[in-house]
Protein backbone atom coordinates (compact mmCIF):
# COMPACT_ATOMS: atom_id res chain seq x y z
CA MET A 1 178.13 30.13 -169.00
CA LYS A 2 177.65 33.38 -167.58
CA ARG A 3 173.83 33.53 -167.24
CA LEU A 4 174.66 29.86 -165.64
CA ILE A 5 177.02 31.47 -163.42
CA VAL A 6 174.23 33.96 -162.60
CA ALA A 7 171.33 32.24 -162.07
CA ILE A 8 173.05 30.23 -159.39
CA LEU A 9 174.70 32.55 -158.07
CA MET A 10 171.07 34.38 -157.38
CA MET A 11 170.01 30.98 -155.79
CA LEU A 12 172.58 31.08 -153.43
CA SER A 13 171.73 34.30 -152.28
CA ILE A 14 168.15 33.42 -151.67
CA VAL A 15 169.31 30.30 -149.53
CA LEU A 16 171.47 32.42 -147.86
CA LEU A 17 169.01 35.15 -146.92
CA ASN A 18 166.15 32.33 -146.29
CA ALA A 19 168.64 30.78 -143.80
CA GLN A 20 169.43 33.84 -141.68
CA ASN A 21 165.39 35.14 -141.40
CA LYS A 22 164.42 32.13 -139.89
CA ILE A 23 160.37 32.12 -139.85
CA HIS A 24 158.71 29.67 -137.01
CA PRO A 25 155.02 29.30 -138.28
CA ILE A 26 153.94 28.68 -134.72
CA ASN A 27 155.91 28.95 -131.32
CA PHE A 28 154.42 27.74 -127.80
CA SER A 29 155.53 29.28 -124.99
CA ILE A 30 155.14 28.22 -121.43
CA TRP A 31 157.66 30.59 -119.96
CA ASN A 32 160.06 32.12 -122.44
CA PRO A 33 163.04 31.23 -122.59
CA VAL A 34 161.12 27.51 -122.18
CA ALA A 35 159.39 27.98 -126.10
CA ILE A 36 159.61 25.58 -128.80
CA ALA A 37 161.31 28.35 -131.40
CA SER A 38 163.93 30.72 -130.72
CA TYR A 39 164.34 33.93 -129.76
CA ASP A 40 167.01 36.46 -131.52
CA SER A 41 166.77 38.88 -134.07
CA LEU A 42 166.50 36.04 -137.02
CA CYS A 43 163.22 35.23 -136.22
CA THR A 44 159.86 35.79 -137.59
CA THR A 45 156.93 33.78 -136.07
CA ASN A 46 153.46 33.73 -137.54
CA PHE A 47 151.42 32.03 -134.54
CA SER A 48 152.65 32.35 -131.02
CA ILE A 49 150.47 30.85 -128.03
CA GLY A 50 151.71 30.28 -124.27
CA LEU A 51 151.33 31.67 -120.86
CA TYR A 52 153.97 34.31 -121.64
CA SER A 53 155.85 34.54 -124.87
CA LYS A 54 158.08 36.13 -126.35
CA THR A 55 158.61 37.18 -129.70
CA TYR A 56 161.29 38.89 -131.80
CA ARG A 57 159.17 40.17 -134.86
CA LEU A 58 154.71 38.95 -135.33
CA ASN A 59 154.02 38.98 -138.32
CA GLY A 60 150.59 36.67 -137.50
CA ILE A 61 148.65 35.59 -134.35
CA GLY A 62 149.40 36.36 -131.26
CA LEU A 63 147.48 34.37 -127.95
CA ASN A 64 148.80 34.93 -124.14
CA ILE A 65 147.25 33.60 -121.06
CA LEU A 66 149.20 36.33 -119.12
CA ALA A 67 151.81 38.70 -121.24
CA HIS A 68 153.44 38.49 -124.60
CA LYS A 69 156.47 41.28 -125.06
CA ASN A 70 157.82 41.19 -128.54
CA GLN A 71 160.93 43.35 -129.78
CA GLU A 72 159.93 44.71 -133.21
CA ASN A 73 157.53 44.57 -135.28
CA ILE A 74 153.64 42.99 -135.06
CA ASN A 75 151.57 43.37 -138.52
CA GLY A 76 148.53 40.93 -137.25
CA LEU A 77 146.46 40.09 -134.14
CA THR A 78 147.30 39.86 -130.11
CA PHE A 79 145.51 38.80 -127.34
CA SER A 80 147.41 38.92 -123.83
CA GLY A 81 145.12 38.45 -120.49
CA VAL A 82 147.62 40.81 -118.80
CA GLY A 83 149.15 43.19 -120.64
CA GLU A 84 151.17 43.50 -123.99
CA TYR A 85 154.64 45.21 -125.18
CA VAL A 86 155.92 46.00 -128.48
CA ASN A 87 159.44 47.48 -128.34
CA GLY A 88 159.22 48.29 -132.06
CA ASN A 89 156.16 49.25 -134.55
CA MET A 90 152.49 47.77 -134.24
CA LYS A 91 150.14 47.39 -136.93
CA GLY A 92 146.77 45.31 -136.79
CA LEU A 93 144.28 44.77 -133.38
CA GLN A 94 145.38 44.94 -129.70
CA ILE A 95 143.33 43.56 -127.16
CA SER A 96 144.74 42.89 -123.42
CA GLY A 97 143.56 42.92 -119.65
CA LEU A 98 144.79 45.28 -118.51
CA PHE A 99 147.39 47.41 -120.61
CA ASN A 100 149.31 47.86 -124.61
CA MET A 101 152.47 49.55 -124.54
CA VAL A 102 153.40 50.20 -128.18
CA LYS A 103 157.27 52.06 -127.99
CA GLY A 104 156.79 52.52 -131.75
CA HIS A 105 154.21 53.50 -134.43
CA MET A 106 150.84 52.05 -133.20
CA HIS A 107 148.06 52.03 -136.83
CA GLY A 108 145.31 50.31 -135.95
CA ILE A 109 142.77 49.47 -133.29
CA GLN A 110 144.01 48.86 -129.26
CA ILE A 111 142.05 48.17 -126.41
CA ALA A 112 142.11 47.55 -123.07
CA THR A 113 141.21 47.92 -118.90
CA ILE A 114 142.73 49.48 -117.80
CA GLN A 115 145.87 51.93 -120.21
CA ASN A 116 147.09 51.96 -123.92
CA THR A 117 149.99 53.74 -123.98
CA ASN A 118 152.01 55.44 -127.61
CA VAL A 119 155.15 56.61 -127.36
CA MET A 120 155.27 58.18 -131.64
CA HIS A 121 153.16 58.17 -133.94
CA THR A 122 149.47 56.95 -133.42
CA LYS A 123 146.69 55.99 -135.99
CA GLY A 124 144.11 54.40 -135.14
CA ILE A 125 141.29 54.02 -132.23
CA MET A 126 142.01 53.19 -128.62
CA ILE A 127 140.08 52.47 -125.60
CA ALA A 128 140.65 52.41 -122.11
CA GLY A 129 138.23 51.58 -118.91
CA ILE A 130 140.70 54.27 -117.29
CA THR A 131 143.14 56.24 -119.51
CA ASN A 132 144.74 56.31 -123.00
CA PHE A 133 148.19 58.37 -123.45
CA SER A 134 150.05 58.81 -126.69
CA ILE A 135 152.89 60.79 -126.79
CA GLY A 136 153.41 61.69 -130.56
CA ASN A 137 151.36 63.00 -132.74
CA SER A 138 147.81 61.05 -133.09
CA ARG A 139 145.37 60.95 -135.57
CA GLY A 140 142.27 58.73 -134.65
CA LEU A 141 139.69 58.67 -131.34
CA GLN A 142 141.00 58.35 -128.38
CA LEU A 143 137.59 56.42 -126.06
CA ALA A 144 138.74 55.99 -121.91
CA GLY A 145 136.86 55.80 -118.83
CA ALA A 146 138.41 58.33 -117.09
CA ALA A 147 140.90 60.35 -118.83
CA ASN A 148 142.21 60.90 -122.62
CA MET A 149 145.67 62.60 -122.99
CA ALA A 150 147.48 63.44 -126.30
CA GLY A 151 151.29 64.75 -125.43
CA SER A 152 151.96 66.49 -129.66
CA ASN A 153 149.40 67.57 -132.15
CA PHE A 154 145.89 65.89 -131.61
CA SER A 155 143.52 65.36 -134.48
CA GLY A 156 140.25 63.94 -134.49
CA LEU A 157 137.74 62.43 -131.03
CA GLN A 158 138.62 62.38 -127.61
CA ALA A 159 135.62 61.33 -125.53
CA SER A 160 135.85 60.29 -121.57
CA LEU A 161 134.10 60.45 -118.44
CA GLY A 162 136.50 62.68 -116.94
CA VAL A 163 139.41 64.90 -118.75
CA ASN A 164 140.35 65.08 -121.88
CA ILE A 165 144.13 67.03 -122.37
CA ALA A 166 146.13 67.46 -126.14
CA SER A 167 149.08 69.31 -126.23
CA SER A 168 148.07 71.15 -129.60
CA SER A 169 145.37 70.19 -131.87
CA SER A 170 144.21 70.41 -135.95
CA ASN A 171 140.69 69.20 -136.21
CA LEU A 172 140.12 68.23 -132.62
CA PHE A 173 136.68 67.13 -130.85
CA GLN A 174 136.56 66.71 -127.31
CA ILE A 175 133.76 65.95 -125.38
CA SER A 176 133.14 64.75 -121.62
CA ALA A 177 131.56 64.73 -119.12
CA LEU A 178 134.53 67.04 -116.65
CA SER A 179 136.56 68.67 -118.38
CA ASN A 180 138.29 69.34 -122.04
CA VAL A 181 142.05 70.93 -122.07
CA CYS A 182 143.73 72.06 -125.41
CA ALA A 183 147.56 73.88 -124.31
CA ASP A 184 147.47 75.41 -128.00
CA ARG A 185 144.97 76.76 -129.43
CA ILE A 186 142.15 74.44 -130.23
CA HIS A 187 140.98 73.65 -133.41
CA GLY A 188 137.07 72.15 -134.13
CA VAL A 189 135.08 72.02 -130.41
CA GLN A 190 135.19 71.21 -126.25
CA ILE A 191 131.95 70.04 -124.71
CA GLY A 192 131.85 69.76 -120.84
CA ALA A 193 131.47 70.99 -117.59
CA GLY A 194 135.29 72.84 -117.81
CA ASN A 195 136.56 73.92 -121.59
CA TYR A 196 140.37 75.34 -121.60
CA ALA A 197 141.87 76.74 -124.25
CA ALA A 198 144.77 79.00 -125.57
CA GLY A 199 142.33 79.86 -128.40
CA VAL A 200 139.67 78.85 -129.95
CA LYS A 201 138.98 78.51 -134.09
CA GLY A 202 135.53 76.80 -133.41
CA PHE A 203 133.11 76.37 -130.45
CA GLN A 204 133.27 75.91 -126.82
CA LEU A 205 130.11 74.88 -125.18
CA GLY A 206 130.12 73.87 -120.97
CA LEU A 207 129.19 75.40 -117.81
CA LEU A 208 133.02 77.10 -117.83
CA ASN A 209 134.28 78.04 -120.45
CA PHE A 210 137.99 79.53 -120.39
CA SER A 211 140.13 80.81 -123.31
CA THR A 212 143.85 82.62 -122.83
CA GLY A 213 144.00 83.57 -126.50
CA GLU A 214 142.19 84.82 -130.05
CA VAL A 215 138.32 83.29 -129.89
CA ARG A 216 137.34 82.76 -133.55
CA GLY A 217 134.13 81.34 -133.09
CA LEU A 218 131.22 80.53 -130.16
CA GLN A 219 131.37 80.48 -126.46
CA MET A 220 128.36 78.98 -124.86
CA GLY A 221 127.91 78.33 -121.00
CA ILE A 222 126.94 79.58 -117.51
CA ILE A 223 130.41 81.45 -117.57
CA ASN A 224 132.31 82.72 -120.25
CA TYR A 225 136.29 83.74 -120.31
CA SER A 226 138.22 85.04 -122.59
CA GLU A 227 141.20 87.69 -123.13
CA ASP A 228 139.94 87.92 -126.65
CA THR A 229 137.37 91.66 -126.71
CA SER A 230 135.90 90.36 -129.60
CA ALA A 231 134.68 86.99 -128.89
CA VAL A 232 131.41 85.93 -128.85
CA LYS A 233 129.92 84.84 -125.69
CA LEU A 234 126.01 83.30 -125.08
CA GLY A 235 126.57 83.27 -121.21
CA LEU A 236 124.77 84.21 -118.46
CA VAL A 237 128.35 85.63 -117.43
CA ASN A 238 130.57 86.41 -120.12
CA ILE A 239 134.11 88.15 -118.91
CA SER A 240 137.14 89.62 -120.64
CA PRO A 241 139.65 92.24 -119.35
CA ARG A 242 137.36 95.34 -120.92
CA THR A 243 134.45 93.56 -118.49
CA ARG A 244 133.68 96.03 -115.82
CA ILE A 245 132.72 93.65 -112.79
CA GLN A 246 130.94 95.86 -109.38
CA LEU A 247 129.25 95.19 -106.70
CA MET A 248 125.45 96.06 -105.71
CA ALA A 249 123.97 96.44 -102.85
CA TYR A 250 120.23 97.64 -103.08
CA GLU A 251 116.60 98.21 -100.86
CA SER A 252 113.80 97.11 -102.80
CA ASN A 253 110.09 96.71 -102.13
CA ILE A 254 109.58 92.95 -103.56
CA VAL A 255 112.88 91.26 -102.04
CA GLN A 256 114.21 93.20 -99.44
CA ASN A 257 117.65 92.96 -98.95
CA ASN A 258 120.16 92.45 -101.64
CA LEU A 259 123.26 91.90 -103.05
CA ALA A 260 124.55 91.18 -106.31
CA VAL A 261 127.46 91.37 -108.78
CA ARG A 262 127.49 93.16 -112.58
CA PHE A 263 129.49 91.99 -114.88
CA ARG A 264 129.23 95.09 -117.24
CA ASN A 265 130.58 94.27 -121.50
CA GLY A 266 130.26 97.29 -123.30
CA TYR A 267 126.34 98.36 -123.62
CA SER A 268 125.45 95.13 -121.88
CA TYR A 269 125.25 94.14 -118.65
CA THR A 270 124.10 90.84 -116.65
CA ILE A 271 123.74 90.97 -112.88
CA ILE A 272 123.61 87.48 -110.24
CA GLY A 273 122.71 87.97 -106.70
CA ILE A 274 121.31 87.10 -103.53
CA GLY A 275 118.77 88.17 -101.12
CA THR A 276 116.21 88.19 -98.14
CA ASN A 277 113.54 88.18 -97.46
CA TYR A 278 110.88 88.23 -99.47
CA LYS A 279 108.43 90.79 -98.50
CA THR A 280 104.84 89.31 -99.30
CA PHE A 281 105.82 86.67 -96.48
CA ASP A 282 105.28 88.54 -93.95
CA ASN A 283 109.04 88.35 -92.62
CA LYS A 284 109.41 85.08 -92.45
CA THR A 285 112.44 84.12 -93.49
CA SER A 286 113.54 83.22 -97.16
CA GLY A 287 115.60 84.08 -99.65
CA ALA A 288 115.62 84.68 -103.43
CA ILE A 289 118.71 83.92 -106.08
CA ILE A 290 118.34 86.93 -109.18
CA TYR A 291 119.62 86.92 -112.52
CA ARG A 292 119.83 89.33 -114.26
CA PHE A 293 120.23 90.62 -118.46
CA GLY A 294 120.34 94.63 -119.55
CA LEU A 295 121.32 97.05 -122.40
CA GLY A 296 122.48 100.37 -121.18
CA VAL A 297 124.56 103.64 -122.16
CA ASN A 298 126.63 106.70 -120.30
CA VAL A 299 124.84 110.48 -120.24
CA PHE A 300 126.97 113.45 -119.94
CA ARG A 301 129.34 110.98 -118.11
CA VAL A 302 128.09 111.06 -114.71
CA PHE A 303 124.82 109.13 -115.59
CA TYR A 304 124.47 105.92 -116.56
CA ILE A 305 120.77 104.87 -117.55
CA SER A 306 119.47 101.19 -118.26
CA ALA A 307 117.04 98.44 -118.45
CA ASP A 308 116.68 94.53 -118.16
CA ALA A 309 115.37 91.79 -117.78
CA GLY A 310 115.30 89.10 -114.77
CA TYR A 311 113.83 86.39 -113.47
CA ASN A 312 113.79 85.41 -109.61
CA HIS A 313 114.04 82.26 -107.66
CA ILE A 314 111.98 82.54 -104.68
CA GLU A 315 113.00 79.83 -101.11
CA ASN A 316 110.31 79.63 -98.62
CA LEU A 317 113.26 79.36 -95.51
CA ASN A 318 110.02 78.08 -93.49
CA ASP A 319 109.09 75.49 -95.29
CA GLY A 320 109.85 72.70 -91.89
CA ASN A 321 106.83 74.88 -89.86
CA LYS A 322 104.43 74.58 -92.33
CA THR A 323 103.37 78.36 -93.38
CA ASP A 324 100.47 79.78 -94.81
CA PHE A 325 102.80 80.11 -97.99
CA PRO A 326 104.19 78.28 -101.12
CA ASN A 327 107.35 76.02 -100.92
CA ARG A 328 109.20 78.78 -103.63
CA LEU A 329 108.49 80.62 -106.02
CA TYR A 330 109.34 81.98 -109.60
CA SER A 331 109.48 85.92 -111.06
CA LEU A 332 110.23 87.44 -113.75
CA GLN A 333 111.14 90.74 -114.36
CA ALA A 334 111.41 94.74 -116.41
CA ARG A 335 113.05 97.28 -115.16
CA CYS A 336 115.13 100.32 -116.23
CA ASN A 337 117.31 102.52 -113.92
CA LEU A 338 118.95 105.89 -113.65
CA GLU A 339 122.20 106.15 -111.72
CA PHE A 340 124.43 108.75 -111.26
CA HIS A 341 127.97 108.30 -110.67
CA PRO A 342 129.81 111.29 -108.81
CA PHE A 343 132.85 109.03 -108.31
CA ASN A 344 134.29 107.05 -110.97
CA ARG A 345 133.67 103.38 -108.86
CA PHE A 346 130.68 105.39 -106.50
CA GLY A 347 127.85 105.51 -107.54
CA ILE A 348 123.88 105.51 -106.44
CA PHE A 349 120.63 104.33 -108.78
CA ALA A 350 116.88 104.23 -108.27
CA SER A 351 115.31 101.79 -110.53
CA GLY A 352 111.41 101.09 -111.21
CA GLY A 353 109.36 98.11 -113.44
CA TYR A 354 107.50 95.72 -112.54
CA SER A 355 107.51 92.36 -111.12
CA HIS A 356 105.04 88.57 -112.54
CA THR A 357 105.12 85.77 -109.63
CA ARG A 358 104.44 82.66 -110.21
CA HIS A 359 103.84 78.76 -109.00
CA TYR A 360 106.60 76.95 -110.13
CA ASP A 361 103.96 73.49 -109.81
CA SER A 362 100.98 75.58 -111.60
CA LYS A 363 99.86 78.05 -114.22
CA GLU A 364 98.72 80.65 -111.07
CA THR A 365 99.38 83.66 -110.35
CA PHE A 366 101.01 84.54 -106.81
CA GLU A 367 101.47 88.36 -107.97
CA ASN A 368 101.97 90.89 -109.72
CA LYS A 369 103.69 93.85 -108.52
CA THR A 370 105.32 97.43 -109.15
CA ILE A 371 109.41 97.33 -108.45
CA MET A 372 110.80 99.82 -106.53
CA GLU A 373 114.73 99.90 -105.71
CA PHE A 374 117.55 102.10 -104.36
CA GLY A 375 121.39 101.46 -103.67
CA ILE A 376 124.76 101.79 -104.10
CA VAL A 377 127.54 100.89 -106.56
CA LEU A 378 131.19 100.27 -106.36
CA PHE A 379 133.69 99.50 -108.25
């Protein structure tokens, strides 16, 4: 008798539960509330189709010409011509003509022509024509035409034609055409025209690499800056708080008037400068861009001995006047230098070396010449 009573009570509870949790296999909606399924907390929909629809819970597929709003969770596939809004969690695939937004957790794939936005934890793939924005912790892939932004920790790949931004990272790979930013220390790789991180454990590759913290890895670019003086940098200009930046003005028998900046880091240095005129062009208006890399050492405190190798790009600015000289040339140079510093921020120097100048458009040598240079060093 007791078993019979228990069985009857269980059957009644199942009936009541099913009565409370209404399941609508199909919901057709023109414009909510004009719909065949009610919108309430007891309703679960399996298939929703229409112009604009609202569902409370969706376990299945939603197809809407304009938009769809879901109050709680979605498990399945949704497609909207304009936008998709989920107030709860989303597990599955979201495709929208303009935007997707999930206020809860997003686990799955989002595709939109304009923007994807997730408020809570994101795990999966976000693809947008313009921007992806995740506020909570994220793991996976963000692919956007303009920008990817992660407001909390991001693990995975951010790729865009514009900007990638992450507040913090663990195993992060950022690649962009313009810039990558990590507000905290990055564990991973940044590849872009400009890269910034509060610290680096990995690799930065770009025109400008900037780190305000410890670098345990490599910076490779045109200009590399880090506040960590022991960082490994490969670039035309490498700067740290201990870098001594000096101004150089000098005369040369190759390019007459020269102004350059030298960046000294310990025993090594780089020089970037400009000059006018290239003397072989018979005082015709011409200019040169100068780059040199060298090694040097202080001797008896007031002398600095160094040697460097350099590259000069030489431009004939009278090209429009059809001179007899080539439009442009390049020089490979090697020098030895001796500096005398009677004062800490002032010195004079003399250089001697050899210059090999060639045409860009052929293997023909233009001239070979010894180098003689004299000038001053400031700062």
